[in-house]
């Protein structure tokens, strides 16, 4: 079977909802033992019960990715419980709407702690286990915002640019340890965050504004979490063993076709 993850231990941060949940589900269905990491225990347990109902090999570890000591402890526990850490997907992230002068220091620090430091903490904790086993795959969730300026997304774009550059650095530093590191850059994806954003900011106009946001992508719609998960599956599988240090846009043509 192509893209078989049997006998691999995969960790997915932010797996309580959205893209992280879709990636965890896809990996579990491809045979991986999946460790769900999320600060939201309700969401994490919901994903856990859903995958258990399919008889998948799945475990939930509540974890705040902004706290390095906690992340290291969780990663060490997972390695002890399951024998290895083969795949790490950094999907935990938060968004913010605002340009520089409307981004407060509190907002800036909050985005940095989750999106940048959280990704760093998870890689920092996983790398020693991968080096020990002489193999491993890391996949980070960047964004098209890392490559182009998006209006009113100052802090978010900053964090995703950092994720992209961290990906390239880790790929170069650990290629001789058998560790691959890539990232994907989604365009707009229809997740619970999008629905919540529209409800909060455009009450009564949700459908109108959804259509407007969807049409910013040349393909004419938002992506689906499952579509991001399918690309993640390929990049984390042995079929992608020749790929490292690369960013993969998955954006409905946003970066190349918007002229």
Protein backbone atom coordinates (compact mmCIF):
# COMPACT_ATOMS: atom_id res chain seq x y z
CA UNK A 1 0.00 0.00 0.00
CA UNK A 2 1.34 3.42 -0.94
CA UNK A 3 1.85 5.91 1.88
CA UNK A 4 1.72 3.16 4.49
CA UNK A 5 2.54 4.41 8.00
CA UNK A 6 2.27 1.05 9.74
CA UNK A 7 4.77 0.69 12.61
CA UNK A 8 5.38 4.44 12.73
CA UNK A 9 4.69 6.64 15.76
CA UNK A 10 3.33 10.02 14.67
CA UNK A 11 2.79 13.10 16.83
CA UNK A 12 0.39 15.81 15.69
CA UNK A 13 0.12 19.04 17.65
CA UNK A 14 -3.10 21.00 17.44
CA UNK A 15 -4.96 17.80 16.60
CA UNK A 16 -8.13 18.71 18.47
CA UNK A 17 -9.64 20.48 15.46
CA UNK A 18 -9.20 21.70 11.91
CA UNK A 19 -6.15 20.75 9.88
CA UNK A 20 -4.44 18.99 12.79
CA UNK A 21 -7.45 16.75 13.33
CA UNK A 22 -7.59 15.93 9.62
CA UNK A 23 -3.88 15.03 9.57
CA UNK A 24 -4.19 12.86 12.67
CA UNK A 25 -7.19 11.08 11.18
CA UNK A 26 -5.47 10.48 7.84
CA UNK A 27 -2.29 9.17 9.47
CA UNK A 28 -4.23 6.84 11.77
CA UNK A 29 -6.17 5.44 8.83
CA UNK A 30 -2.86 4.73 7.09
CA UNK A 31 -1.74 2.54 9.99
CA UNK A 32 0.26 4.92 12.15
CA UNK A 33 0.07 4.95 15.91
CA UNK A 34 -0.94 8.58 16.43
CA UNK A 35 -0.28 10.69 19.49
CA UNK A 36 -2.62 13.67 19.70
CA UNK A 37 -1.23 16.80 21.38
CA UNK A 38 -3.48 19.74 22.15
CA UNK A 39 -4.00 22.28 24.92
CA UNK A 40 -7.77 21.94 24.35
CA UNK A 41 -8.64 18.77 26.24
CA UNK A 42 -12.23 18.74 25.00
CA UNK A 43 -11.12 18.89 21.37
CA UNK A 44 -8.32 16.38 21.90
CA UNK A 45 -10.64 13.91 23.57
CA UNK A 46 -13.22 14.37 20.80
CA UNK A 47 -10.60 13.42 18.19
CA UNK A 48 -9.46 10.56 20.41
CA UNK A 49 -12.95 9.09 20.75
CA UNK A 50 -13.68 9.53 17.05
CA UNK A 51 -10.57 7.59 16.04
CA UNK A 52 -11.09 4.98 18.73
CA UNK A 53 -14.56 4.36 17.26
CA UNK A 54 -12.71 3.36 14.08
CA UNK A 55 -10.43 1.07 16.11
CA UNK A 56 -7.36 3.18 15.35
CA UNK A 57 -4.19 3.22 17.42
CA UNK A 58 -4.43 6.63 19.03
CA UNK A 59 -3.49 8.30 22.32
CA UNK A 60 -4.13 11.79 23.66
CA UNK A 61 -1.53 13.78 25.58
CA UNK A 62 -2.75 17.19 26.82
CA UNK A 63 0.05 19.64 26.12
CA UNK A 64 0.68 23.38 25.98
CA UNK A 65 3.26 23.79 23.23
CA UNK A 66 4.34 27.18 24.60
CA UNK A 67 5.82 25.52 27.71
CA UNK A 68 9.12 23.86 26.83
CA UNK A 69 9.49 21.82 30.01
CA UNK A 70 6.02 20.39 29.52
CA UNK A 71 6.62 19.60 25.85
CA UNK A 72 9.92 17.83 26.60
CA UNK A 73 8.25 15.77 29.33
CA UNK A 74 5.41 14.75 27.01
CA UNK A 75 7.79 13.80 24.19
CA UNK A 76 9.93 11.74 26.57
CA UNK A 77 6.84 9.99 27.85
CA UNK A 78 5.68 9.19 24.32
CA UNK A 79 9.09 7.78 23.40
CA UNK A 80 8.99 5.62 26.54
CA UNK A 81 5.38 4.53 26.01
CA UNK A 82 5.69 3.70 22.32
CA UNK A 83 9.38 3.14 21.66
CA UNK A 84 10.12 5.93 19.19
CA UNK A 85 9.08 9.21 17.63
CA UNK A 86 9.07 8.74 13.87
CA UNK A 87 6.96 11.66 12.65
CA UNK A 88 6.24 15.10 14.10
CA UNK A 89 3.64 17.39 12.58
CA UNK A 90 3.50 20.91 14.00
CA UNK A 91 -0.06 21.99 13.32
CA UNK A 92 -0.82 23.92 16.52
CA UNK A 93 -1.34 27.55 15.67
CA UNK A 94 -3.49 30.62 16.14
CA UNK A 95 -4.38 33.55 13.91
CA UNK A 96 -4.81 37.29 14.28
CA UNK A 97 -6.34 40.03 12.17
CA UNK A 98 -4.58 43.39 12.17
CA UNK A 99 -1.84 45.48 10.60
CA UNK A 100 1.23 46.68 12.52
CA UNK A 101 -0.38 49.69 14.22
CA UNK A 102 -3.46 47.71 15.24
CA UNK A 103 -1.43 44.79 16.62
CA UNK A 104 -0.84 45.21 20.34
CA UNK A 105 2.24 43.91 22.09
CA UNK A 106 0.01 41.37 23.84
CA UNK A 107 -1.30 40.13 20.49
CA UNK A 108 2.21 39.97 19.02
CA UNK A 109 3.60 38.00 21.96
CA UNK A 110 0.63 35.62 21.96
CA UNK A 111 1.08 34.78 18.27
CA UNK A 112 4.83 34.36 18.75
CA UNK A 113 4.47 32.03 21.75
CA UNK A 114 2.12 29.61 20.00
CA UNK A 115 3.16 29.70 16.35
CA UNK A 116 6.91 30.23 16.64
CA UNK A 117 7.97 29.11 20.09
CA UNK A 118 5.48 26.24 20.03
CA UNK A 119 6.96 24.90 16.79
CA UNK A 120 10.48 25.36 18.15
CA UNK A 121 9.62 23.61 21.43
CA UNK A 122 8.15 20.58 19.68
CA UNK A 123 11.14 20.20 17.37
CA UNK A 124 13.55 20.79 20.26
CA UNK A 125 11.90 17.97 22.21
CA UNK A 126 11.59 15.51 19.30
CA UNK A 127 14.97 15.90 17.61
CA UNK A 128 17.01 13.99 20.27
CA UNK A 129 14.76 10.94 19.91
CA UNK A 130 15.00 11.05 16.11
CA UNK A 131 18.79 11.42 16.24
CA UNK A 132 18.99 8.42 18.53
CA UNK A 133 17.07 6.34 15.99
CA UNK A 134 18.96 7.83 13.00
CA UNK A 135 15.67 8.69 11.30
CA UNK A 136 12.64 10.92 11.52
CA UNK A 137 10.34 13.28 9.66
CA UNK A 138 9.20 16.75 10.71
CA UNK A 139 6.46 18.64 8.93
CA UNK A 140 5.62 22.20 9.89
CA UNK A 141 2.50 24.15 9.00
CA UNK A 142 3.50 27.46 7.45
CA UNK A 143 1.18 29.52 5.24
CA UNK A 144 1.07 31.50 2.02
CA UNK A 145 1.45 34.43 4.43
CA UNK A 146 5.09 33.40 4.84
CA UNK A 147 5.79 34.21 1.19
CA UNK A 148 3.60 37.21 0.33
CA UNK A 149 2.18 40.17 2.18
CA UNK A 150 -1.40 39.61 3.29
CA UNK A 151 -3.48 42.62 4.26
CA UNK A 152 -4.26 42.86 7.99
CA UNK A 153 -2.22 39.78 8.89
CA UNK A 154 0.97 41.40 10.24
CA UNK A 155 1.64 39.22 13.30
CA UNK A 156 0.37 36.04 11.70
CA UNK A 157 2.59 36.57 8.63
CA UNK A 158 5.58 37.21 10.90
CA UNK A 159 5.10 33.91 12.69
CA UNK A 160 4.65 31.87 9.53
CA UNK A 161 7.75 33.42 7.97
CA UNK A 162 9.62 32.23 11.05
CA UNK A 163 8.17 28.72 10.67
CA UNK A 164 9.38 28.60 7.07
CA UNK A 165 12.91 29.72 7.94
CA UNK A 166 13.11 27.33 10.92
CA UNK A 167 12.11 24.51 8.59
CA UNK A 168 14.96 25.25 6.19
CA UNK A 169 17.49 25.55 9.03
CA UNK A 170 16.48 22.29 10.70
CA UNK A 171 16.51 20.45 7.37
CA UNK A 172 20.09 21.56 6.72
CA UNK A 173 21.39 20.93 10.24
CA UNK A 174 19.98 17.42 10.61
CA UNK A 175 20.06 15.94 7.11
CA UNK A 176 23.05 13.75 8.05
CA UNK A 177 21.15 12.44 11.07
CA UNK A 178 18.55 10.90 8.77
CA UNK A 179 15.96 13.54 9.64
CA UNK A 180 13.85 15.19 6.96
CA UNK A 181 12.10 18.52 7.59
CA UNK A 182 9.61 20.21 5.27
CA UNK A 183 6.67 22.56 5.55
CA UNK A 184 3.41 23.14 3.75
CA UNK A 185 1.88 26.54 3.07
CA UNK A 186 -1.90 26.40 2.82
CA UNK A 187 -4.02 29.17 1.42
CA UNK A 188 -7.42 29.72 2.99
CA UNK A 189 -8.83 26.49 4.38
CA UNK A 190 -12.38 26.04 5.67
CA UNK A 191 -11.90 25.26 9.35
CA UNK A 192 -13.90 26.04 12.51
CA UNK A 193 -11.69 29.13 12.90
CA UNK A 194 -13.04 30.58 9.66
CA UNK A 195 -16.65 30.02 10.74
CA UNK A 196 -15.95 31.60 14.13
CA UNK A 197 -14.20 34.58 12.55
CA UNK A 198 -17.09 35.25 10.17
CA UNK A 199 -19.68 34.91 12.92
CA UNK A 200 -17.81 37.31 15.20
CA UNK A 201 -16.95 39.93 12.62
CA UNK A 202 -19.74 39.73 10.05
CA UNK A 203 -22.95 38.69 11.83
CA UNK A 204 -25.74 38.14 9.33
CA UNK A 205 -23.28 38.37 6.42
CA UNK A 206 -21.44 35.10 6.95
CA UNK A 207 -22.36 33.55 3.59
CA UNK A 208 -21.52 36.72 1.66
CA UNK A 209 -18.13 37.13 3.31
CA UNK A 210 -17.32 33.42 3.06
CA UNK A 211 -17.84 33.58 -0.70
CA UNK A 212 -15.71 36.73 -0.92
CA UNK A 213 -12.82 35.10 0.96
CA UNK A 214 -13.11 31.89 -1.05
CA UNK A 215 -12.88 33.75 -4.35
CA UNK A 216 -9.49 35.27 -3.47
CA UNK A 217 -8.10 31.90 -4.54
CA UNK A 218 -8.11 31.39 -8.31
CA UNK A 219 -9.55 27.92 -7.99
CA UNK A 220 -12.69 29.59 -6.63
CA UNK A 221 -13.05 27.98 -3.21
CA UNK A 222 -11.34 27.39 0.11
CA UNK A 223 -9.34 24.27 0.70
CA UNK A 224 -10.54 21.37 2.81
CA UNK A 225 -8.59 20.17 5.85
CA UNK A 226 -8.48 16.70 4.30
CA UNK A 227 -6.70 18.09 1.22
CA UNK A 228 -3.93 19.49 3.41
CA UNK A 229 -3.79 16.17 5.24
CA UNK A 230 -3.23 14.25 2.00
CA UNK A 231 -0.19 16.35 1.15
CA UNK A 232 1.07 15.93 4.72
CA UNK A 233 0.69 12.17 4.37
CA UNK A 234 2.83 12.09 1.26
CA UNK A 235 5.57 14.26 2.75
CA UNK A 236 5.71 12.18 5.93
CA UNK A 237 5.69 8.83 4.14
CA UNK A 238 8.63 6.81 2.87
CA UNK A 239 7.54 7.65 -0.67
CA UNK A 240 8.87 11.17 -0.02
CA UNK A 241 12.23 9.96 1.30
CA UNK A 242 14.13 12.14 -1.22
CA UNK A 243 12.43 15.37 -0.11
CA UNK A 244 13.73 17.70 2.59
CA UNK A 245 14.17 21.43 3.12
CA UNK A 246 11.21 22.37 0.95
CA UNK A 247 8.04 24.43 1.33
CA UNK A 248 4.97 23.15 -0.49
CA UNK A 249 2.22 25.69 -1.27
CA UNK A 250 -1.27 24.18 -1.33
CA UNK A 251 -3.34 27.24 -2.07
CA UNK A 252 -5.70 26.89 -5.01
CA UNK A 253 -3.31 28.89 -7.18
CA UNK A 254 -3.11 31.87 -4.78
CA UNK A 255 0.65 32.44 -4.99
CA UNK A 256 1.21 31.88 -8.71
CA UNK A 257 -2.06 32.74 -10.42
CA UNK A 258 -3.08 35.96 -8.66
CA UNK A 259 -1.63 38.64 -10.94
